[in-house]
Amino acid sequence: MNEEALKQRIQGNVLDTVHAGTAHMRSRAYFVLRAAAAITLAVLALALSGFVLSFIAFSIHESGELFLLGFGARGIAVFFNLFPWLSLMLDGVVILALEWLLAGFRFGYRVSLLSLLAAVFGASAVLAALVYALPIHSLLLDAADRGQLPILGGLYERIHESHIQGHSDERSG
């Protein structure tokens, strides 16, 4: 069977199904709203991912945990103990959700899953670098120190916990 005859047969089958009323059709507005919602969610997920990744870098830098890596195996163990794992897992979930959302579109079928995941992570990392370069986290840390940050305050207060634990360990030892 040649290609043109196959196309006509498929087209005829589709038209027969539509005319018989057994095909479920959606309006154009449905697809436009679905695309708009997906784009909005993708932008929000990318922004959240960038914020979380930049917060991880900020908390490691601000708490002084980065210097622990210079103290050998014991310092590395303490670094991994103090690392903001919950934030990293949250970002992983957001990146995977964004990946799943993007895979539902036509280009998601054409691009390999690994390539799409790498692109999403790369875009998150670039956005995180931009957010890290801005004084957003410093301002939020100052607001948390003054008790003016009710939602994210606990997250920023944990940055100081390693300093407090270090001082109490020195006094008790």
N, C-alpha and C. Protein backbone atom coordinates (compact mmCIF):
# COMPACT_ATOMS: atom_id res chain seq x y z
N MET A 1 0.85 -1.17 0.00
CA MET A 1 0.00 0.00 0.00
C MET A 1 0.89 1.23 0.00
N ASN A 2 0.61 2.17 -0.89
CA ASN A 2 1.46 3.35 -0.96
C ASN A 2 1.08 4.34 0.15
N GLU A 3 1.94 5.31 0.33
CA GLU A 3 1.79 6.26 1.44
C GLU A 3 0.54 7.13 1.29
N GLU A 4 0.24 7.56 0.10
CA GLU A 4 -0.94 8.43 -0.13
C GLU A 4 -2.23 7.68 0.17
N ALA A 5 -2.32 6.44 -0.24
CA ALA A 5 -3.52 5.65 0.03
C ALA A 5 -3.68 5.41 1.54
N LEU A 6 -2.57 5.20 2.24
CA LEU A 6 -2.61 5.01 3.68
C LEU A 6 -3.10 6.27 4.38
N LYS A 7 -2.62 7.44 3.95
CA LYS A 7 -3.06 8.71 4.53
C LYS A 7 -4.56 8.91 4.33
N GLN A 8 -5.04 8.60 3.12
CA GLN A 8 -6.47 8.76 2.83
C GLN A 8 -7.30 7.79 3.67
N ARG A 9 -6.81 6.59 3.87
CA ARG A 9 -7.54 5.62 4.67
C ARG A 9 -7.61 6.06 6.13
N ILE A 10 -6.51 6.55 6.65
CA ILE A 10 -6.49 7.04 8.04
C ILE A 10 -7.41 8.24 8.18
N GLN A 11 -7.35 9.16 7.23
CA GLN A 11 -8.22 10.34 7.25
C GLN A 11 -9.68 9.93 7.19
N GLY A 12 -10.00 8.97 6.35
CA GLY A 12 -11.37 8.47 6.25
C GLY A 12 -11.84 7.84 7.55
N ASN A 13 -10.98 7.06 8.19
CA ASN A 13 -11.32 6.44 9.48
C ASN A 13 -11.57 7.48 10.56
N VAL A 14 -10.74 8.50 10.58
CA VAL A 14 -10.91 9.57 11.57
C VAL A 14 -12.21 10.31 11.32
N LEU A 15 -12.48 10.66 10.07
CA LEU A 15 -13.72 11.37 9.76
C LEU A 15 -14.95 10.53 10.07
N ASP A 16 -14.89 9.24 9.80
CA ASP A 16 -16.00 8.35 10.12
C ASP A 16 -16.25 8.31 11.63
N THR A 17 -15.17 8.27 12.40
CA THR A 17 -15.29 8.24 13.86
C THR A 17 -15.89 9.55 14.38
N VAL A 18 -15.46 10.67 13.81
CA VAL A 18 -15.98 11.97 14.23
C VAL A 18 -17.46 12.09 13.88
N HIS A 19 -17.84 11.72 12.66
CA HIS A 19 -19.24 11.81 12.23
C HIS A 19 -20.14 10.85 12.99
N ALA A 20 -19.59 9.72 13.42
CA ALA A 20 -20.39 8.75 14.18
C ALA A 20 -20.63 9.23 15.61
N GLY A 21 -19.87 10.22 16.04
CA GLY A 21 -20.04 10.75 17.38
C GLY A 21 -19.32 9.97 18.46
N THR A 22 -18.47 9.05 18.10
CA THR A 22 -17.75 8.27 19.10
C THR A 22 -16.42 8.89 19.49
N ALA A 23 -15.99 9.88 18.75
CA ALA A 23 -14.74 10.56 19.07
C ALA A 23 -15.02 11.71 20.04
N HIS A 24 -14.19 11.82 21.04
CA HIS A 24 -14.33 12.90 22.01
C HIS A 24 -13.43 14.05 21.56
N MET A 25 -14.03 15.17 21.27
CA MET A 25 -13.27 16.32 20.77
C MET A 25 -13.28 17.42 21.82
N ARG A 26 -12.19 18.14 21.87
CA ARG A 26 -12.07 19.27 22.79
C ARG A 26 -11.90 20.53 21.97
N SER A 27 -12.31 21.63 22.56
CA SER A 27 -12.23 22.90 21.85
C SER A 27 -10.79 23.40 21.81
N ARG A 28 -10.57 24.37 20.98
CA ARG A 28 -9.25 24.97 20.85
C ARG A 28 -8.87 25.68 22.15
N ALA A 29 -9.86 26.26 22.82
CA ALA A 29 -9.61 26.96 24.08
C ALA A 29 -9.01 26.01 25.12
N TYR A 30 -9.45 24.76 25.12
CA TYR A 30 -8.91 23.77 26.05
C TYR A 30 -7.40 23.62 25.86
N PHE A 31 -6.98 23.50 24.63
CA PHE A 31 -5.56 23.31 24.34
C PHE A 31 -4.75 24.57 24.62
N VAL A 32 -5.35 25.73 24.35
CA VAL A 32 -4.66 27.00 24.65
C VAL A 32 -4.51 27.16 26.15
N LEU A 33 -5.58 26.88 26.92
CA LEU A 33 -5.50 26.99 28.38
C LEU A 33 -4.52 25.97 28.96
N ARG A 34 -4.52 24.77 28.39
CA ARG A 34 -3.59 23.74 28.85
C ARG A 34 -2.15 24.17 28.61
N ALA A 35 -1.89 24.72 27.45
CA ALA A 35 -0.54 25.19 27.14
C ALA A 35 -0.15 26.36 28.04
N ALA A 36 -1.09 27.29 28.27
CA ALA A 36 -0.81 28.44 29.14
C ALA A 36 -0.54 27.99 30.57
N ALA A 37 -1.33 27.02 31.06
CA ALA A 37 -1.12 26.50 32.40
C ALA A 37 0.22 25.79 32.51
N ALA A 38 0.57 25.04 31.49
CA ALA A 38 1.85 24.32 31.49
C ALA A 38 3.02 25.30 31.47
N ILE A 39 2.91 26.34 30.67
CA ILE A 39 3.98 27.34 30.62
C ILE A 39 4.12 28.05 31.95
N THR A 40 2.98 28.41 32.55
CA THR A 40 3.00 29.08 33.85
C THR A 40 3.62 28.18 34.91
N LEU A 41 3.21 26.92 34.95
CA LEU A 41 3.78 25.98 35.91
C LEU A 41 5.27 25.75 35.65
N ALA A 42 5.66 25.70 34.39
CA ALA A 42 7.07 25.52 34.06
C ALA A 42 7.90 26.70 34.53
N VAL A 43 7.41 27.91 34.33
CA VAL A 43 8.14 29.10 34.77
C VAL A 43 8.23 29.12 36.31
N LEU A 44 7.11 28.80 36.99
CA LEU A 44 7.13 28.77 38.44
C LEU A 44 8.07 27.69 38.97
N ALA A 45 8.05 26.52 38.36
CA ALA A 45 8.93 25.43 38.78
C ALA A 45 10.39 25.79 38.55
N LEU A 46 10.68 26.42 37.43
CA LEU A 46 12.04 26.83 37.13
C LEU A 46 12.51 27.90 38.12
N ALA A 47 11.63 28.85 38.43
CA ALA A 47 11.97 29.89 39.40
C ALA A 47 12.19 29.29 40.79
N LEU A 48 11.32 28.37 41.20
CA LEU A 48 11.49 27.71 42.50
C LEU A 48 12.77 26.91 42.54
N SER A 49 13.06 26.20 41.47
CA SER A 49 14.28 25.41 41.40
C SER A 49 15.51 26.30 41.48
N GLY A 50 15.50 27.40 40.76
CA GLY A 50 16.62 28.34 40.81
C GLY A 50 16.80 28.93 42.20
N PHE A 51 15.68 29.26 42.86
CA PHE A 51 15.74 29.82 44.21
C PHE A 51 16.30 28.78 45.19
N VAL A 52 15.82 27.56 45.09
CA VAL A 52 16.27 26.52 46.03
C VAL A 52 17.76 26.21 45.81
N LEU A 53 18.19 26.09 44.57
CA LEU A 53 19.61 25.82 44.32
C LEU A 53 20.49 26.97 44.81
N SER A 54 20.04 28.21 44.59
CA SER A 54 20.83 29.35 45.06
C SER A 54 20.82 29.42 46.59
N PHE A 55 19.70 29.01 47.21
CA PHE A 55 19.65 28.98 48.67
C PHE A 55 20.63 27.95 49.23
N ILE A 56 20.73 26.81 48.56
CA ILE A 56 21.68 25.79 49.01
C ILE A 56 23.10 26.36 48.97
N ALA A 57 23.46 27.00 47.88
CA ALA A 57 24.80 27.60 47.77
C ALA A 57 24.99 28.69 48.81
N PHE A 58 23.97 29.52 49.03
CA PHE A 58 24.06 30.60 50.02
C PHE A 58 24.22 30.03 51.43
N SER A 59 23.44 29.01 51.76
CA SER A 59 23.51 28.47 53.12
C SER A 59 24.86 27.80 53.38
N ILE A 60 25.41 27.13 52.38
CA ILE A 60 26.73 26.51 52.54
C ILE A 60 27.80 27.58 52.73
N HIS A 61 27.70 28.66 51.95
CA HIS A 61 28.68 29.73 52.04
C HIS A 61 28.53 30.51 53.35
N GLU A 62 27.31 30.88 53.69
CA GLU A 62 27.05 31.72 54.86
C GLU A 62 27.34 30.99 56.17
N SER A 63 27.07 29.71 56.23
CA SER A 63 27.29 28.95 57.46
C SER A 63 28.75 28.58 57.65
N GLY A 64 29.55 28.72 56.60
CA GLY A 64 30.96 28.36 56.69
C GLY A 64 31.22 26.88 56.48
N GLU A 65 30.19 26.15 56.09
CA GLU A 65 30.33 24.71 55.89
C GLU A 65 31.31 24.37 54.77
N LEU A 66 31.47 25.26 53.83
CA LEU A 66 32.36 25.00 52.70
C LEU A 66 33.80 24.78 53.17
N PHE A 67 34.19 25.47 54.25
CA PHE A 67 35.56 25.34 54.76
C PHE A 67 35.80 24.00 55.42
N LEU A 68 34.72 23.28 55.76
CA LEU A 68 34.88 21.96 56.37
C LEU A 68 35.54 20.97 55.43
N LEU A 69 35.40 21.20 54.12
CA LEU A 69 35.98 20.28 53.16
C LEU A 69 37.51 20.25 53.22
N GLY A 70 38.09 21.29 53.78
CA GLY A 70 39.55 21.35 53.91
C GLY A 70 40.09 20.59 55.11
N PHE A 71 39.22 20.01 55.94
CA PHE A 71 39.65 19.32 57.15
C PHE A 71 39.68 17.80 57.00
N GLY A 72 39.75 17.33 55.79
CA GLY A 72 39.88 15.90 55.55
C GLY A 72 38.59 15.14 55.72
N ALA A 73 38.72 13.87 56.04
CA ALA A 73 37.55 12.98 56.10
C ALA A 73 36.55 13.41 57.17
N ARG A 74 37.05 13.85 58.32
CA ARG A 74 36.14 14.28 59.38
C ARG A 74 35.36 15.53 58.96
N GLY A 75 36.02 16.45 58.33
CA GLY A 75 35.36 17.67 57.85
C GLY A 75 34.34 17.36 56.78
N ILE A 76 34.67 16.42 55.90
CA ILE A 76 33.72 16.02 54.85
C ILE A 76 32.50 15.37 55.47
N ALA A 77 32.71 14.55 56.51
CA ALA A 77 31.58 13.92 57.19
C ALA A 77 30.67 14.96 57.83
N VAL A 78 31.26 15.96 58.47
CA VAL A 78 30.46 17.03 59.09
C VAL A 78 29.75 17.84 58.00
N PHE A 79 30.44 18.11 56.89
CA PHE A 79 29.83 18.83 55.78
C PHE A 79 28.58 18.11 55.29
N PHE A 80 28.69 16.80 55.08
CA PHE A 80 27.53 16.04 54.61
C PHE A 80 26.44 15.96 55.67
N ASN A 81 26.82 16.00 56.92
CA ASN A 81 25.83 16.00 57.99
C ASN A 81 25.05 17.32 58.03
N LEU A 82 25.72 18.43 57.76
CA LEU A 82 25.09 19.75 57.82
C LEU A 82 24.49 20.20 56.48
N PHE A 83 24.74 19.46 55.42
CA PHE A 83 24.25 19.84 54.08
C PHE A 83 22.72 19.93 54.09
N PRO A 84 22.14 20.93 53.40
CA PRO A 84 20.68 21.07 53.37
C PRO A 84 20.02 20.04 52.44
N TRP A 85 19.97 18.80 52.88
CA TRP A 85 19.44 17.71 52.07
C TRP A 85 17.97 17.89 51.73
N LEU A 86 17.19 18.41 52.67
CA LEU A 86 15.76 18.60 52.42
C LEU A 86 15.54 19.57 51.26
N SER A 87 16.33 20.63 51.22
CA SER A 87 16.22 21.58 50.12
C SER A 87 16.61 20.94 48.79
N LEU A 88 17.66 20.12 48.83
CA LEU A 88 18.09 19.44 47.61
C LEU A 88 17.03 18.46 47.12
N MET A 89 16.40 17.74 48.05
CA MET A 89 15.35 16.80 47.65
C MET A 89 14.13 17.56 47.10
N LEU A 90 13.81 18.69 47.71
CA LEU A 90 12.71 19.51 47.20
C LEU A 90 13.00 19.95 45.78
N ASP A 91 14.22 20.38 45.53
CA ASP A 91 14.58 20.81 44.18
C ASP A 91 14.54 19.64 43.21
N GLY A 92 14.97 18.48 43.65
CA GLY A 92 14.89 17.29 42.78
C GLY A 92 13.45 16.97 42.40
N VAL A 93 12.55 17.08 43.35
CA VAL A 93 11.13 16.83 43.07
C VAL A 93 10.59 17.88 42.09
N VAL A 94 10.96 19.14 42.28
CA VAL A 94 10.50 20.20 41.38
C VAL A 94 11.05 19.98 39.97
N ILE A 95 12.31 19.62 39.86
CA ILE A 95 12.91 19.38 38.54
C ILE A 95 12.25 18.19 37.85
N LEU A 96 11.99 17.12 38.61
CA LEU A 96 11.33 15.96 38.02
C LEU A 96 9.89 16.28 37.60
N ALA A 97 9.19 17.09 38.40
CA ALA A 97 7.83 17.49 38.04
C ALA A 97 7.84 18.35 36.77
N LEU A 98 8.80 19.25 36.68
CA LEU A 98 8.93 20.08 35.48
C LEU A 98 9.27 19.22 34.27
N GLU A 99 10.14 18.25 34.47
CA GLU A 99 10.50 17.32 33.39
C GLU A 99 9.27 16.55 32.92
N TRP A 100 8.46 16.06 33.85
CA TRP A 100 7.24 15.33 33.52
C TRP A 100 6.26 16.23 32.78
N LEU A 101 6.15 17.48 33.21
CA LEU A 101 5.25 18.43 32.56
C LEU A 101 5.69 18.72 31.13
N LEU A 102 6.98 18.91 30.92
CA LEU A 102 7.49 19.22 29.59
C LEU A 102 7.46 18.00 28.67
N ALA A 103 7.56 16.82 29.23
CA ALA A 103 7.56 15.61 28.41
C ALA A 103 6.20 15.38 27.75
N GLY A 104 5.15 15.99 28.26
CA GLY A 104 3.81 15.83 27.69
C GLY A 104 3.60 16.60 26.40
N PHE A 105 4.52 17.47 26.05
CA PHE A 105 4.38 18.25 24.82
C PHE A 105 5.11 17.57 23.68
N ARG A 106 4.83 18.02 22.49
CA ARG A 106 5.35 17.38 21.28
C ARG A 106 6.88 17.30 21.29
N PHE A 107 7.56 18.38 21.69
CA PHE A 107 9.02 18.33 21.69
C PHE A 107 9.53 17.37 22.76
N GLY A 108 8.71 17.09 23.78
CA GLY A 108 9.10 16.13 24.81
C GLY A 108 9.22 14.73 24.27
N TYR A 109 8.47 14.42 23.23
CA TYR A 109 8.56 13.10 22.63
C TYR A 109 9.76 12.98 21.70
N ARG A 110 10.19 14.11 21.15
CA ARG A 110 11.29 14.09 20.19
C ARG A 110 12.66 14.13 20.86
N VAL A 111 12.70 14.66 22.07
CA VAL A 111 13.96 14.81 22.79
C VAL A 111 14.06 13.69 23.82
N SER A 112 15.24 13.15 24.00
CA SER A 112 15.39 12.06 24.97
C SER A 112 15.15 12.59 26.38
N LEU A 113 14.73 11.70 27.24
CA LEU A 113 14.43 12.05 28.62
C LEU A 113 15.65 12.63 29.32
N LEU A 114 16.80 12.04 29.09
CA LEU A 114 18.04 12.50 29.72
C LEU A 114 18.43 13.90 29.22
N SER A 115 18.25 14.15 27.93
CA SER A 115 18.57 15.47 27.38
C SER A 115 17.64 16.54 27.95
N LEU A 116 16.36 16.21 28.05
CA LEU A 116 15.40 17.15 28.61
C LEU A 116 15.70 17.42 30.07
N LEU A 117 16.05 16.39 30.81
CA LEU A 117 16.40 16.55 32.23
C LEU A 117 17.66 17.40 32.37
N ALA A 118 18.64 17.18 31.53
CA ALA A 118 19.88 17.97 31.57
C ALA A 118 19.59 19.43 31.23
N ALA A 119 18.71 19.68 30.26
CA ALA A 119 18.37 21.06 29.90
C ALA A 119 17.64 21.75 31.04
N VAL A 120 16.72 21.05 31.68
CA VAL A 120 15.98 21.63 32.81
C VAL A 120 16.93 21.93 33.96
N PHE A 121 17.81 20.98 34.29
CA PHE A 121 18.77 21.20 35.36
C PHE A 121 19.74 22.34 35.01
N GLY A 122 20.18 22.39 33.76
CA GLY A 122 21.07 23.47 33.33
C GLY A 122 20.42 24.84 33.44
N ALA A 123 19.16 24.92 33.01
CA ALA A 123 18.43 26.19 33.13
C ALA A 123 18.24 26.56 34.59
N SER A 124 17.97 25.59 35.44
CA SER A 124 17.84 25.86 36.88
C SER A 124 19.16 26.35 37.46
N ALA A 125 20.25 25.75 37.05
CA ALA A 125 21.56 26.16 37.56
C ALA A 125 21.92 27.58 37.12
N VAL A 126 21.62 27.93 35.87
CA VAL A 126 21.88 29.29 35.39
C VAL A 126 21.03 30.29 36.17
N LEU A 127 19.76 29.97 36.36
CA LEU A 127 18.87 30.85 37.12
C LEU A 127 19.35 30.95 38.57
N ALA A 128 19.81 29.85 39.13
CA ALA A 128 20.33 29.87 40.51
C ALA A 128 21.55 30.77 40.62
N ALA A 129 22.43 30.73 39.63
CA ALA A 129 23.61 31.60 39.64
C ALA A 129 23.21 33.07 39.59
N LEU A 130 22.19 33.37 38.79
CA LEU A 130 21.70 34.75 38.73
C LEU A 130 21.09 35.19 40.06
N VAL A 131 20.29 34.32 40.67
CA VAL A 131 19.68 34.66 41.96
C VAL A 131 20.76 34.79 43.03
N TYR A 132 21.76 33.92 43.00
CA TYR A 132 22.84 33.96 43.99
C TYR A 132 23.63 35.25 43.88
N ALA A 133 23.76 35.79 42.67
CA ALA A 133 24.51 37.02 42.47
C ALA A 133 23.78 38.24 43.04
N LEU A 134 22.48 38.14 43.19
CA LEU A 134 21.69 39.23 43.76
C LEU A 134 21.66 39.11 45.29
N PRO A 135 21.40 40.22 46.00
CA PRO A 135 21.41 40.15 47.47
C PRO A 135 20.09 39.64 48.08
N ILE A 136 19.35 38.83 47.34
CA ILE A 136 18.04 38.38 47.81
C ILE A 136 18.17 37.57 49.10
N HIS A 137 19.07 36.62 49.13
CA HIS A 137 19.20 35.75 50.30
C HIS A 137 19.72 36.52 51.52
N SER A 138 20.61 37.47 51.32
CA SER A 138 21.10 38.27 52.43
C SER A 138 19.97 39.09 53.04
N LEU A 139 19.14 39.67 52.18
CA LEU A 139 17.99 40.45 52.68
C LEU A 139 17.00 39.56 53.42
N LEU A 140 16.76 38.36 52.89
CA LEU A 140 15.84 37.44 53.56
C LEU A 140 16.42 36.94 54.88
N LEU A 141 17.73 36.73 54.94
CA LEU A 141 18.37 36.32 56.19
C LEU A 141 18.26 37.41 57.24
N ASP A 142 18.48 38.65 56.84
CA ASP A 142 18.33 39.78 57.77
C ASP A 142 16.89 39.88 58.28
N ALA A 143 15.92 39.70 57.39
CA ALA A 143 14.51 39.74 57.80
C ALA A 143 14.20 38.58 58.75
N ALA A 144 14.76 37.41 58.51
CA ALA A 144 14.55 36.27 59.40
C ALA A 144 15.17 36.51 60.76
N ASP A 145 16.35 37.15 60.79
CA ASP A 145 17.00 37.47 62.06
C ASP A 145 16.17 38.43 62.89
N ARG A 146 15.44 39.32 62.23
CA ARG A 146 14.57 40.28 62.93
C ARG A 146 13.19 39.71 63.22
N GLY A 147 12.93 38.46 62.79
CA GLY A 147 11.64 37.83 63.03
C GLY A 147 10.55 38.32 62.10
N GLN A 148 10.91 38.87 60.96
CA GLN A 148 9.95 39.42 60.01
C GLN A 148 9.71 38.51 58.81
N LEU A 149 10.15 37.28 58.88
CA LEU A 149 10.00 36.35 57.77
C LEU A 149 9.30 35.09 58.27
N PRO A 150 7.96 35.12 58.29
CA PRO A 150 7.23 34.01 58.92
C PRO A 150 7.30 32.69 58.15
N ILE A 151 7.29 32.71 56.83
CA ILE A 151 7.21 31.47 56.07
C ILE A 151 8.59 30.81 55.91
N LEU A 152 9.55 31.55 55.43
CA LEU A 152 10.88 30.99 55.18
C LEU A 152 11.86 31.25 56.32
N GLY A 153 11.40 31.85 57.39
CA GLY A 153 12.29 32.22 58.49
C GLY A 153 13.02 31.03 59.08
N GLY A 154 12.33 29.92 59.27
CA GLY A 154 12.96 28.73 59.84
C GLY A 154 14.07 28.19 58.98
N LEU A 155 13.89 28.27 57.68
CA LEU A 155 14.92 27.80 56.75
C LEU A 155 16.18 28.63 56.90
N TYR A 156 16.00 29.95 56.99
CA TYR A 156 17.16 30.83 57.11
C TYR A 156 17.77 30.76 58.51
N GLU A 157 16.97 30.48 59.52
CA GLU A 157 17.51 30.35 60.88
C GLU A 157 18.42 29.14 60.99
N ARG A 158 18.18 28.10 60.21
CA ARG A 158 19.02 26.90 60.25
C ARG A 158 20.45 27.20 59.81
N ILE A 159 20.63 28.27 59.06
CA ILE A 159 21.98 28.66 58.64
C ILE A 159 22.83 28.97 59.86
N HIS A 160 22.21 29.59 60.88
CA HIS A 160 22.95 29.96 62.09
C HIS A 160 23.11 28.79 63.05
N GLU A 161 22.34 27.72 62.89
CA GLU A 161 22.40 26.60 63.83
C GLU A 161 23.78 25.97 63.89
N SER A 162 24.47 25.86 62.76
CA SER A 162 25.80 25.25 62.79
C SER A 162 26.78 26.11 63.60
N HIS A 163 26.61 27.45 63.57
CA HIS A 163 27.46 28.32 64.37
C HIS A 163 27.16 28.14 65.85
N ILE A 164 25.88 28.06 66.20
CA ILE A 164 25.49 27.91 67.60
C ILE A 164 25.95 26.56 68.13
N GLN A 165 25.77 25.50 67.33
CA GLN A 165 26.22 24.18 67.75
C GLN A 165 27.73 24.15 67.94
N GLY A 166 28.46 24.83 67.06
CA GLY A 166 29.91 24.85 67.16
C GLY A 166 30.37 25.54 68.43
N HIS A 167 29.70 26.66 68.80
CA HIS A 167 30.08 27.38 70.02
C HIS A 167 29.71 26.57 71.26
N SER A 168 28.59 25.91 71.28
CA SER A 168 28.21 25.12 72.45
C SER A 168 29.11 23.89 72.59
N ASP A 169 29.60 23.33 71.50
CA ASP A 169 30.52 22.21 71.55
C ASP A 169 31.87 22.65 72.13
N GLU A 170 32.32 23.88 71.78
CA GLU A 170 33.58 24.39 72.28
C GLU A 170 33.51 24.61 73.78
N ARG A 171 32.37 25.12 74.28
CA ARG A 171 32.23 25.41 75.70
C ARG A 171 32.13 24.12 76.52
N SER A 172 31.46 23.12 75.98
CA SER A 172 31.28 21.88 76.74
C SER A 172 32.55 21.02 76.71
N GLY A 173 33.44 21.26 75.75
CA GLY A 173 34.62 20.41 75.60
C GLY A 173 35.81 20.91 76.25
